[in-house]
Amino acid sequence: MKSKEEVREALLGILRDMDKQPEYREGADVFEDFGLDSLDQIEFLFNIEQAFGTKIEDDTFEEEGLRQFDRLVEHLHGAQG
């Protein structure tokens, strides 16, 4: 099981692999603050699914506030088996 810090670093690594330059800050919006356009968003979600072995539906992403980076970290940390 990955720690929250490891989950955070894995997500930032995914963004870096997508040629983004994420600078973590509390309350960051995954899409707006990290400069993801609509195609990037799809790629990011796909990469999360591959890296964490979990599926996040678009509706769930919005409904659970997972655009907020720290909430996404919490969600993925809690979803680990």
N, C-alpha and C. Protein backbone atom coordinates (compact mmCIF):
# COMPACT_ATOMS: atom_id res chain seq x y z
N MET A 1 0.85 -1.19 0.00
CA MET A 1 0.00 0.00 0.00
C MET A 1 0.89 1.24 0.00
N LYS A 2 0.59 2.14 -0.91
CA LYS A 2 1.37 3.38 -1.00
C LYS A 2 0.88 4.38 0.04
N SER A 3 1.83 5.13 0.59
CA SER A 3 1.47 6.21 1.50
C SER A 3 0.85 7.35 0.70
N LYS A 4 0.24 8.29 1.39
CA LYS A 4 -0.33 9.46 0.69
C LYS A 4 0.75 10.21 -0.07
N GLU A 5 1.92 10.33 0.52
CA GLU A 5 3.02 11.03 -0.14
C GLU A 5 3.44 10.29 -1.41
N GLU A 6 3.47 8.96 -1.36
CA GLU A 6 3.82 8.18 -2.55
C GLU A 6 2.76 8.32 -3.63
N VAL A 7 1.49 8.36 -3.23
CA VAL A 7 0.40 8.57 -4.20
C VAL A 7 0.56 9.95 -4.84
N ARG A 8 0.82 10.97 -4.01
CA ARG A 8 1.00 12.33 -4.51
C ARG A 8 2.15 12.38 -5.52
N GLU A 9 3.27 11.77 -5.17
CA GLU A 9 4.43 11.78 -6.05
C GLU A 9 4.16 10.99 -7.34
N ALA A 10 3.40 9.90 -7.24
CA ALA A 10 3.05 9.13 -8.44
C ALA A 10 2.20 9.98 -9.39
N LEU A 11 1.23 10.71 -8.84
CA LEU A 11 0.39 11.58 -9.67
C LEU A 11 1.22 12.69 -10.32
N LEU A 12 2.09 13.29 -9.56
CA LEU A 12 2.95 14.33 -10.13
C LEU A 12 3.86 13.75 -11.21
N GLY A 13 4.30 12.51 -11.01
CA GLY A 13 5.11 11.83 -12.01
C GLY A 13 4.34 11.60 -13.30
N ILE A 14 3.06 11.22 -13.18
CA ILE A 14 2.21 11.05 -14.35
C ILE A 14 2.13 12.36 -15.12
N LEU A 15 1.92 13.45 -14.40
CA LEU A 15 1.84 14.76 -15.05
C LEU A 15 3.16 15.13 -15.72
N ARG A 16 4.28 14.85 -15.06
CA ARG A 16 5.58 15.14 -15.67
C ARG A 16 5.79 14.30 -16.93
N ASP A 17 5.35 13.04 -16.89
CA ASP A 17 5.46 12.17 -18.07
C ASP A 17 4.62 12.69 -19.23
N MET A 18 3.61 13.49 -18.92
CA MET A 18 2.76 14.10 -19.95
C MET A 18 3.32 15.46 -20.39
N ASP A 19 4.56 15.74 -20.01
CA ASP A 19 5.24 16.99 -20.34
C ASP A 19 4.61 18.21 -19.68
N LYS A 20 4.02 18.01 -18.52
CA LYS A 20 3.50 19.11 -17.71
C LYS A 20 4.55 19.40 -16.64
N GLN A 21 4.52 20.57 -16.10
CA GLN A 21 5.45 20.97 -15.05
C GLN A 21 4.66 21.28 -13.78
N PRO A 22 4.12 20.25 -13.15
CA PRO A 22 3.26 20.50 -11.98
C PRO A 22 4.06 20.98 -10.78
N GLU A 23 3.55 22.00 -10.16
CA GLU A 23 4.10 22.46 -8.89
C GLU A 23 3.00 22.28 -7.88
N TYR A 24 3.23 21.33 -6.96
CA TYR A 24 2.19 21.03 -5.97
C TYR A 24 1.98 22.22 -5.05
N ARG A 25 0.70 22.52 -4.84
CA ARG A 25 0.31 23.47 -3.79
C ARG A 25 -1.03 23.01 -3.27
N GLU A 26 -1.27 23.25 -2.02
CA GLU A 26 -2.52 22.84 -1.40
C GLU A 26 -3.70 23.50 -2.11
N GLY A 27 -4.73 22.72 -2.39
CA GLY A 27 -5.93 23.24 -3.03
C GLY A 27 -5.85 23.35 -4.54
N ALA A 28 -4.79 22.81 -5.14
CA ALA A 28 -4.62 22.91 -6.59
C ALA A 28 -5.74 22.19 -7.32
N ASP A 29 -6.22 22.80 -8.40
CA ASP A 29 -7.19 22.18 -9.29
C ASP A 29 -6.38 21.39 -10.33
N VAL A 30 -6.65 20.09 -10.41
CA VAL A 30 -5.86 19.22 -11.27
C VAL A 30 -5.83 19.73 -12.71
N PHE A 31 -6.97 20.15 -13.24
CA PHE A 31 -7.02 20.53 -14.64
C PHE A 31 -6.53 21.95 -14.87
N GLU A 32 -7.06 22.89 -14.11
CA GLU A 32 -6.72 24.30 -14.35
C GLU A 32 -5.30 24.64 -13.93
N ASP A 33 -4.90 24.25 -12.73
CA ASP A 33 -3.59 24.64 -12.22
C ASP A 33 -2.44 23.89 -12.87
N PHE A 34 -2.72 22.69 -13.42
CA PHE A 34 -1.66 21.93 -14.06
C PHE A 34 -1.74 22.01 -15.58
N GLY A 35 -2.64 22.87 -16.09
CA GLY A 35 -2.69 23.16 -17.52
C GLY A 35 -3.14 22.01 -18.40
N LEU A 36 -4.12 21.23 -17.95
CA LEU A 36 -4.60 20.12 -18.76
C LEU A 36 -5.80 20.54 -19.61
N ASP A 37 -5.67 20.35 -20.92
CA ASP A 37 -6.82 20.59 -21.79
C ASP A 37 -7.69 19.33 -21.79
N SER A 38 -8.76 19.31 -22.58
CA SER A 38 -9.70 18.19 -22.53
C SER A 38 -9.05 16.86 -22.93
N LEU A 39 -8.17 16.87 -23.91
CA LEU A 39 -7.48 15.63 -24.29
C LEU A 39 -6.49 15.20 -23.22
N ASP A 40 -5.81 16.15 -22.62
CA ASP A 40 -4.90 15.85 -21.51
C ASP A 40 -5.66 15.21 -20.35
N GLN A 41 -6.86 15.70 -20.09
CA GLN A 41 -7.67 15.18 -19.00
C GLN A 41 -7.96 13.70 -19.20
N ILE A 42 -8.33 13.34 -20.41
CA ILE A 42 -8.61 11.93 -20.73
C ILE A 42 -7.34 11.10 -20.55
N GLU A 43 -6.23 11.59 -21.05
CA GLU A 43 -4.95 10.88 -20.92
C GLU A 43 -4.57 10.73 -19.44
N PHE A 44 -4.77 11.79 -18.66
CA PHE A 44 -4.44 11.76 -17.23
C PHE A 44 -5.26 10.69 -16.52
N LEU A 45 -6.57 10.66 -16.78
CA LEU A 45 -7.43 9.65 -16.14
C LEU A 45 -7.03 8.25 -16.57
N PHE A 46 -6.72 8.07 -17.84
CA PHE A 46 -6.27 6.76 -18.33
C PHE A 46 -4.98 6.35 -17.61
N ASN A 47 -4.04 7.27 -17.49
CA ASN A 47 -2.77 6.96 -16.83
C ASN A 47 -2.96 6.63 -15.35
N ILE A 48 -3.90 7.31 -14.71
CA ILE A 48 -4.22 6.99 -13.30
C ILE A 48 -4.74 5.56 -13.22
N GLU A 49 -5.65 5.21 -14.13
CA GLU A 49 -6.22 3.86 -14.14
C GLU A 49 -5.12 2.82 -14.31
N GLN A 50 -4.18 3.09 -15.19
CA GLN A 50 -3.08 2.16 -15.43
C GLN A 50 -2.16 2.06 -14.21
N ALA A 51 -1.82 3.19 -13.64
CA ALA A 51 -0.86 3.21 -12.53
C ALA A 51 -1.43 2.65 -11.23
N PHE A 52 -2.72 2.88 -11.00
CA PHE A 52 -3.32 2.50 -9.72
C PHE A 52 -4.29 1.33 -9.82
N GLY A 53 -4.54 0.85 -11.03
CA GLY A 53 -5.43 -0.28 -11.21
C GLY A 53 -6.86 0.00 -10.75
N THR A 54 -7.29 1.24 -10.92
CA THR A 54 -8.63 1.63 -10.52
C THR A 54 -9.27 2.45 -11.63
N LYS A 55 -10.57 2.40 -11.71
CA LYS A 55 -11.31 3.17 -12.73
C LYS A 55 -11.99 4.34 -12.05
N ILE A 56 -11.83 5.51 -12.62
CA ILE A 56 -12.51 6.71 -12.12
C ILE A 56 -13.38 7.23 -13.27
N GLU A 57 -14.67 7.18 -13.09
CA GLU A 57 -15.59 7.67 -14.10
C GLU A 57 -15.57 9.20 -14.10
N ASP A 58 -15.84 9.78 -15.25
CA ASP A 58 -15.87 11.24 -15.37
C ASP A 58 -16.86 11.84 -14.37
N ASP A 59 -18.04 11.23 -14.25
CA ASP A 59 -19.06 11.74 -13.32
C ASP A 59 -18.56 11.69 -11.89
N THR A 60 -17.93 10.58 -11.53
CA THR A 60 -17.40 10.43 -10.17
C THR A 60 -16.34 11.49 -9.90
N PHE A 61 -15.52 11.73 -10.90
CA PHE A 61 -14.44 12.71 -10.76
C PHE A 61 -15.01 14.06 -10.35
N GLU A 62 -16.07 14.47 -11.03
CA GLU A 62 -16.69 15.77 -10.73
C GLU A 62 -17.50 15.73 -9.43
N GLU A 63 -18.32 14.69 -9.26
CA GLU A 63 -19.21 14.60 -8.10
C GLU A 63 -18.45 14.56 -6.78
N GLU A 64 -17.32 13.87 -6.77
CA GLU A 64 -16.56 13.73 -5.53
C GLU A 64 -15.50 14.80 -5.35
N GLY A 65 -15.49 15.77 -6.24
CA GLY A 65 -14.54 16.87 -6.11
C GLY A 65 -13.10 16.46 -6.33
N LEU A 66 -12.89 15.45 -7.17
CA LEU A 66 -11.54 14.93 -7.36
C LEU A 66 -10.67 15.81 -8.24
N ARG A 67 -11.25 16.90 -8.76
CA ARG A 67 -10.41 17.88 -9.47
C ARG A 67 -9.45 18.55 -8.50
N GLN A 68 -9.83 18.58 -7.24
CA GLN A 68 -8.95 19.14 -6.21
C GLN A 68 -7.88 18.08 -5.93
N PHE A 69 -6.63 18.41 -6.16
CA PHE A 69 -5.53 17.46 -6.14
C PHE A 69 -5.47 16.66 -4.84
N ASP A 70 -5.62 17.32 -3.71
CA ASP A 70 -5.52 16.61 -2.42
C ASP A 70 -6.66 15.60 -2.25
N ARG A 71 -7.85 15.92 -2.76
CA ARG A 71 -8.96 14.96 -2.70
C ARG A 71 -8.69 13.76 -3.59
N LEU A 72 -8.08 14.00 -4.74
CA LEU A 72 -7.72 12.90 -5.63
C LEU A 72 -6.71 11.99 -4.94
N VAL A 73 -5.73 12.57 -4.29
CA VAL A 73 -4.73 11.78 -3.54
C VAL A 73 -5.44 10.94 -2.48
N GLU A 74 -6.33 11.56 -1.71
CA GLU A 74 -7.08 10.84 -0.66
C GLU A 74 -7.89 9.70 -1.26
N HIS A 75 -8.58 9.97 -2.37
CA HIS A 75 -9.41 8.96 -3.03
C HIS A 75 -8.58 7.76 -3.45
N LEU A 76 -7.46 8.03 -4.12
CA LEU A 76 -6.61 6.93 -4.60
C LEU A 76 -5.94 6.19 -3.46
N HIS A 77 -5.57 6.91 -2.43
CA HIS A 77 -4.96 6.26 -1.26
C HIS A 77 -5.98 5.32 -0.62
N GLY A 78 -7.21 5.78 -0.48
CA GLY A 78 -8.25 4.97 0.15
C GLY A 78 -8.72 3.82 -0.73
N ALA A 79 -8.54 3.93 -2.05
CA ALA A 79 -9.01 2.89 -2.96
C ALA A 79 -8.06 1.72 -3.09
N GLN A 80 -6.89 1.84 -2.47
CA GLN A 80 -5.92 0.75 -2.55
C GLN A 80 -6.43 -0.46 -1.77
N GLY A 81 -6.25 -1.61 -2.36
CA GLY A 81 -6.74 -2.85 -1.73
C GLY A 81 -5.86 -3.30 -0.68
